[in-house]
Amino acid sequence: MAEEGKDLRAYWRRNLQIQFWLLAIWFVAGYVLSIFLVEPLNHIKMGGFPLGFWFAQQGAIYVFVILIFVYCKLMRGVDKEFGVDEDAA
């Protein structure tokens, strides 16, 4: 029973670590690059548009969608590592 509780805590600790780092990446893309650093980034063009504008309008959304897939892939590996994946049932 104690071993199961220890595994559960380790599982959730890993889950929270993954969530923290992915949210940190999203914060950088969504706030830092598209709000705080918009002026310096606007000197760089991407597809004819200033890069700061691109991040504010589309880039942060693309990063968020990519992070969803990354989270799924990482958690699939964590689930398998701790034996709680759907295939194990």
N, C-alpha and C. Protein backbone atom coordinates (compact mmCIF):
# COMPACT_ATOMS: atom_id res chain seq x y z
N MET A 1 0.82 -1.20 0.00
CA MET A 1 0.00 0.00 0.00
C MET A 1 0.86 1.26 0.00
N ALA A 2 1.93 1.25 0.80
CA ALA A 2 2.82 2.41 0.84
C ALA A 2 3.53 2.60 -0.49
N GLU A 3 3.88 1.49 -1.13
CA GLU A 3 4.54 1.55 -2.43
C GLU A 3 3.62 2.16 -3.48
N GLU A 4 2.34 1.82 -3.42
CA GLU A 4 1.37 2.37 -4.37
C GLU A 4 1.21 3.87 -4.17
N GLY A 5 1.17 4.34 -2.93
CA GLY A 5 1.07 5.77 -2.64
C GLY A 5 2.30 6.52 -3.10
N LYS A 6 3.46 5.88 -2.95
CA LYS A 6 4.71 6.50 -3.40
C LYS A 6 4.71 6.63 -4.92
N ASP A 7 4.26 5.59 -5.62
CA ASP A 7 4.18 5.64 -7.08
C ASP A 7 3.19 6.71 -7.54
N LEU A 8 2.07 6.83 -6.84
CA LEU A 8 1.07 7.83 -7.19
C LEU A 8 1.63 9.23 -7.04
N ARG A 9 2.36 9.48 -5.96
CA ARG A 9 2.98 10.80 -5.77
C ARG A 9 4.02 11.07 -6.84
N ALA A 10 4.81 10.09 -7.18
CA ALA A 10 5.82 10.25 -8.23
C ALA A 10 5.16 10.52 -9.58
N TYR A 11 4.07 9.83 -9.85
CA TYR A 11 3.33 10.04 -11.10
C TYR A 11 2.84 11.47 -11.20
N TRP A 12 2.20 11.96 -10.14
CA TRP A 12 1.66 13.31 -10.17
C TRP A 12 2.76 14.36 -10.15
N ARG A 13 3.87 14.06 -9.50
CA ARG A 13 5.00 14.99 -9.51
C ARG A 13 5.50 15.15 -10.94
N ARG A 14 5.64 14.04 -11.66
CA ARG A 14 6.09 14.10 -13.04
C ARG A 14 5.07 14.83 -13.92
N ASN A 15 3.80 14.55 -13.69
CA ASN A 15 2.74 15.22 -14.43
C ASN A 15 2.81 16.73 -14.22
N LEU A 16 2.97 17.17 -13.00
CA LEU A 16 3.04 18.60 -12.70
C LEU A 16 4.30 19.23 -13.26
N GLN A 17 5.40 18.50 -13.29
CA GLN A 17 6.63 19.03 -13.90
C GLN A 17 6.41 19.28 -15.39
N ILE A 18 5.81 18.33 -16.05
CA ILE A 18 5.53 18.48 -17.48
C ILE A 18 4.61 19.67 -17.71
N GLN A 19 3.56 19.76 -16.91
CA GLN A 19 2.63 20.88 -17.05
C GLN A 19 3.32 22.21 -16.82
N PHE A 20 4.18 22.29 -15.81
CA PHE A 20 4.88 23.53 -15.51
C PHE A 20 5.73 23.98 -16.70
N TRP A 21 6.53 23.07 -17.26
CA TRP A 21 7.42 23.46 -18.35
C TRP A 21 6.65 23.81 -19.62
N LEU A 22 5.57 23.10 -19.89
CA LEU A 22 4.78 23.42 -21.08
C LEU A 22 4.06 24.76 -20.91
N LEU A 23 3.57 25.04 -19.71
CA LEU A 23 2.96 26.34 -19.45
C LEU A 23 3.98 27.47 -19.51
N ALA A 24 5.20 27.20 -19.08
CA ALA A 24 6.26 28.20 -19.17
C ALA A 24 6.56 28.53 -20.63
N ILE A 25 6.59 27.50 -21.48
CA ILE A 25 6.81 27.73 -22.92
C ILE A 25 5.65 28.53 -23.50
N TRP A 26 4.45 28.19 -23.11
CA TRP A 26 3.28 28.92 -23.60
C TRP A 26 3.30 30.37 -23.13
N PHE A 27 3.73 30.61 -21.89
CA PHE A 27 3.84 31.98 -21.38
C PHE A 27 4.83 32.78 -22.21
N VAL A 28 5.96 32.18 -22.51
CA VAL A 28 6.97 32.88 -23.32
C VAL A 28 6.40 33.22 -24.69
N ALA A 29 5.76 32.26 -25.33
CA ALA A 29 5.21 32.50 -26.67
C ALA A 29 4.02 33.45 -26.64
N GLY A 30 3.16 33.29 -25.64
CA GLY A 30 1.92 34.06 -25.59
C GLY A 30 2.07 35.45 -25.02
N TYR A 31 2.97 35.65 -24.09
CA TYR A 31 3.11 36.95 -23.45
C TYR A 31 4.43 37.63 -23.77
N VAL A 32 5.52 36.94 -23.54
CA VAL A 32 6.83 37.57 -23.70
C VAL A 32 7.06 37.96 -25.16
N LEU A 33 6.90 37.01 -26.09
CA LEU A 33 7.18 37.29 -27.49
C LEU A 33 6.11 38.15 -28.15
N SER A 34 4.85 38.00 -27.75
CA SER A 34 3.79 38.72 -28.44
C SER A 34 3.38 40.02 -27.76
N ILE A 35 3.81 40.26 -26.53
CA ILE A 35 3.43 41.50 -25.85
C ILE A 35 4.67 42.29 -25.43
N PHE A 36 5.53 41.67 -24.64
CA PHE A 36 6.66 42.39 -24.07
C PHE A 36 7.77 42.67 -25.08
N LEU A 37 8.03 41.77 -26.00
CA LEU A 37 9.10 41.94 -26.98
C LEU A 37 8.58 42.24 -28.38
N VAL A 38 7.37 42.76 -28.47
CA VAL A 38 6.76 42.96 -29.78
C VAL A 38 7.53 43.99 -30.61
N GLU A 39 8.01 45.06 -30.01
CA GLU A 39 8.71 46.10 -30.78
C GLU A 39 10.01 45.59 -31.40
N PRO A 40 10.90 44.94 -30.62
CA PRO A 40 12.12 44.43 -31.27
C PRO A 40 11.83 43.36 -32.33
N LEU A 41 10.81 42.54 -32.08
CA LEU A 41 10.48 41.49 -33.04
C LEU A 41 9.85 42.04 -34.32
N ASN A 42 9.25 43.21 -34.23
CA ASN A 42 8.62 43.79 -35.42
C ASN A 42 9.62 44.21 -36.48
N HIS A 43 10.90 44.27 -36.15
CA HIS A 43 11.93 44.59 -37.13
C HIS A 43 12.25 43.39 -38.01
N ILE A 44 11.79 42.22 -37.62
CA ILE A 44 12.00 40.99 -38.39
C ILE A 44 10.70 40.67 -39.12
N LYS A 45 10.79 40.37 -40.40
CA LYS A 45 9.60 40.06 -41.20
C LYS A 45 9.46 38.54 -41.38
N MET A 46 8.22 38.06 -41.30
CA MET A 46 7.92 36.65 -41.54
C MET A 46 6.68 36.59 -42.42
N GLY A 47 6.84 36.13 -43.63
CA GLY A 47 5.71 36.08 -44.55
C GLY A 47 5.17 37.45 -44.89
N GLY A 48 6.02 38.46 -44.84
CA GLY A 48 5.60 39.83 -45.16
C GLY A 48 5.04 40.58 -43.97
N PHE A 49 4.90 39.93 -42.83
CA PHE A 49 4.36 40.58 -41.65
C PHE A 49 5.45 40.70 -40.58
N PRO A 50 5.37 41.72 -39.73
CA PRO A 50 6.33 41.83 -38.63
C PRO A 50 6.21 40.62 -37.70
N LEU A 51 7.33 40.09 -37.23
CA LEU A 51 7.33 38.88 -36.41
C LEU A 51 6.56 39.07 -35.11
N GLY A 52 6.64 40.24 -34.49
CA GLY A 52 5.88 40.50 -33.26
C GLY A 52 4.38 40.41 -33.50
N PHE A 53 3.93 40.97 -34.60
CA PHE A 53 2.52 40.88 -34.97
C PHE A 53 2.13 39.44 -35.23
N TRP A 54 3.02 38.70 -35.93
CA TRP A 54 2.73 37.30 -36.24
C TRP A 54 2.56 36.49 -34.96
N PHE A 55 3.47 36.68 -33.98
CA PHE A 55 3.35 35.95 -32.72
C PHE A 55 2.06 36.32 -31.99
N ALA A 56 1.70 37.59 -32.00
CA ALA A 56 0.49 38.02 -31.30
C ALA A 56 -0.76 37.45 -31.95
N GLN A 57 -0.77 37.34 -33.27
CA GLN A 57 -1.98 36.91 -33.97
C GLN A 57 -2.07 35.42 -34.21
N GLN A 58 -0.94 34.76 -34.51
CA GLN A 58 -1.00 33.36 -34.89
C GLN A 58 -0.01 32.49 -34.15
N GLY A 59 1.16 32.99 -33.92
CA GLY A 59 2.24 32.18 -33.37
C GLY A 59 1.91 31.55 -32.03
N ALA A 60 1.30 32.33 -31.13
CA ALA A 60 0.97 31.80 -29.81
C ALA A 60 -0.06 30.68 -29.91
N ILE A 61 -0.97 30.81 -30.86
CA ILE A 61 -1.99 29.77 -31.04
C ILE A 61 -1.34 28.49 -31.58
N TYR A 62 -0.44 28.64 -32.56
CA TYR A 62 0.27 27.48 -33.09
C TYR A 62 1.09 26.79 -32.01
N VAL A 63 1.76 27.58 -31.20
CA VAL A 63 2.56 27.01 -30.11
C VAL A 63 1.65 26.26 -29.14
N PHE A 64 0.50 26.81 -28.81
CA PHE A 64 -0.43 26.15 -27.90
C PHE A 64 -0.90 24.81 -28.47
N VAL A 65 -1.25 24.76 -29.73
CA VAL A 65 -1.71 23.51 -30.35
C VAL A 65 -0.59 22.48 -30.35
N ILE A 66 0.63 22.91 -30.68
CA ILE A 66 1.78 22.00 -30.65
C ILE A 66 2.01 21.47 -29.24
N LEU A 67 1.86 22.34 -28.24
CA LEU A 67 2.06 21.92 -26.85
C LEU A 67 1.02 20.89 -26.41
N ILE A 68 -0.17 20.95 -26.96
CA ILE A 68 -1.19 19.94 -26.64
C ILE A 68 -0.70 18.56 -27.11
N PHE A 69 -0.17 18.50 -28.33
CA PHE A 69 0.33 17.23 -28.84
C PHE A 69 1.56 16.75 -28.08
N VAL A 70 2.43 17.69 -27.71
CA VAL A 70 3.62 17.34 -26.92
C VAL A 70 3.20 16.78 -25.56
N TYR A 71 2.22 17.43 -24.93
CA TYR A 71 1.73 16.94 -23.63
C TYR A 71 1.18 15.52 -23.76
N CYS A 72 0.40 15.27 -24.79
CA CYS A 72 -0.16 13.93 -25.00
C CYS A 72 0.94 12.89 -25.16
N LYS A 73 1.94 13.22 -25.95
CA LYS A 73 3.05 12.28 -26.18
C LYS A 73 3.83 12.04 -24.89
N LEU A 74 4.15 13.11 -24.18
CA LEU A 74 4.92 12.96 -22.93
C LEU A 74 4.13 12.17 -21.89
N MET A 75 2.85 12.46 -21.75
CA MET A 75 2.05 11.77 -20.74
C MET A 75 1.81 10.32 -21.13
N ARG A 76 1.77 10.00 -22.41
CA ARG A 76 1.66 8.61 -22.82
C ARG A 76 2.88 7.84 -22.32
N GLY A 77 4.05 8.46 -22.44
CA GLY A 77 5.27 7.82 -21.94
C GLY A 77 5.27 7.69 -20.43
N VAL A 78 4.80 8.71 -19.72
CA VAL A 78 4.73 8.64 -18.26
C VAL A 78 3.72 7.59 -17.83
N ASP A 79 2.59 7.53 -18.51
CA ASP A 79 1.59 6.50 -18.18
C ASP A 79 2.16 5.10 -18.34
N LYS A 80 2.90 4.88 -19.42
CA LYS A 80 3.51 3.56 -19.62
C LYS A 80 4.56 3.28 -18.56
N GLU A 81 5.33 4.29 -18.21
CA GLU A 81 6.38 4.12 -17.20
C GLU A 81 5.79 3.70 -15.85
N PHE A 82 4.64 4.27 -15.49
CA PHE A 82 4.04 3.97 -14.20
C PHE A 82 2.96 2.89 -14.30
N GLY A 83 2.78 2.30 -15.48
CA GLY A 83 1.84 1.19 -15.63
C GLY A 83 0.39 1.57 -15.55
N VAL A 84 0.03 2.79 -15.93
CA VAL A 84 -1.37 3.23 -15.89
C VAL A 84 -1.89 3.56 -17.27
N ASP A 85 -1.19 3.11 -18.32
CA ASP A 85 -1.65 3.38 -19.66
C ASP A 85 -2.85 2.52 -20.00
N GLU A 86 -3.58 2.93 -21.01
CA GLU A 86 -4.81 2.23 -21.39
C GLU A 86 -4.54 0.83 -21.92
N ASP A 87 -3.38 0.64 -22.54
CA ASP A 87 -3.05 -0.68 -23.08
C ASP A 87 -2.77 -1.70 -21.99
N ALA A 88 -2.38 -1.24 -20.79
CA ALA A 88 -2.04 -2.15 -19.70
C ALA A 88 -3.31 -2.75 -19.07
N ALA A 89 -4.44 -2.09 -19.27
CA ALA A 89 -5.68 -2.55 -18.62
C ALA A 89 -6.29 -3.73 -19.28
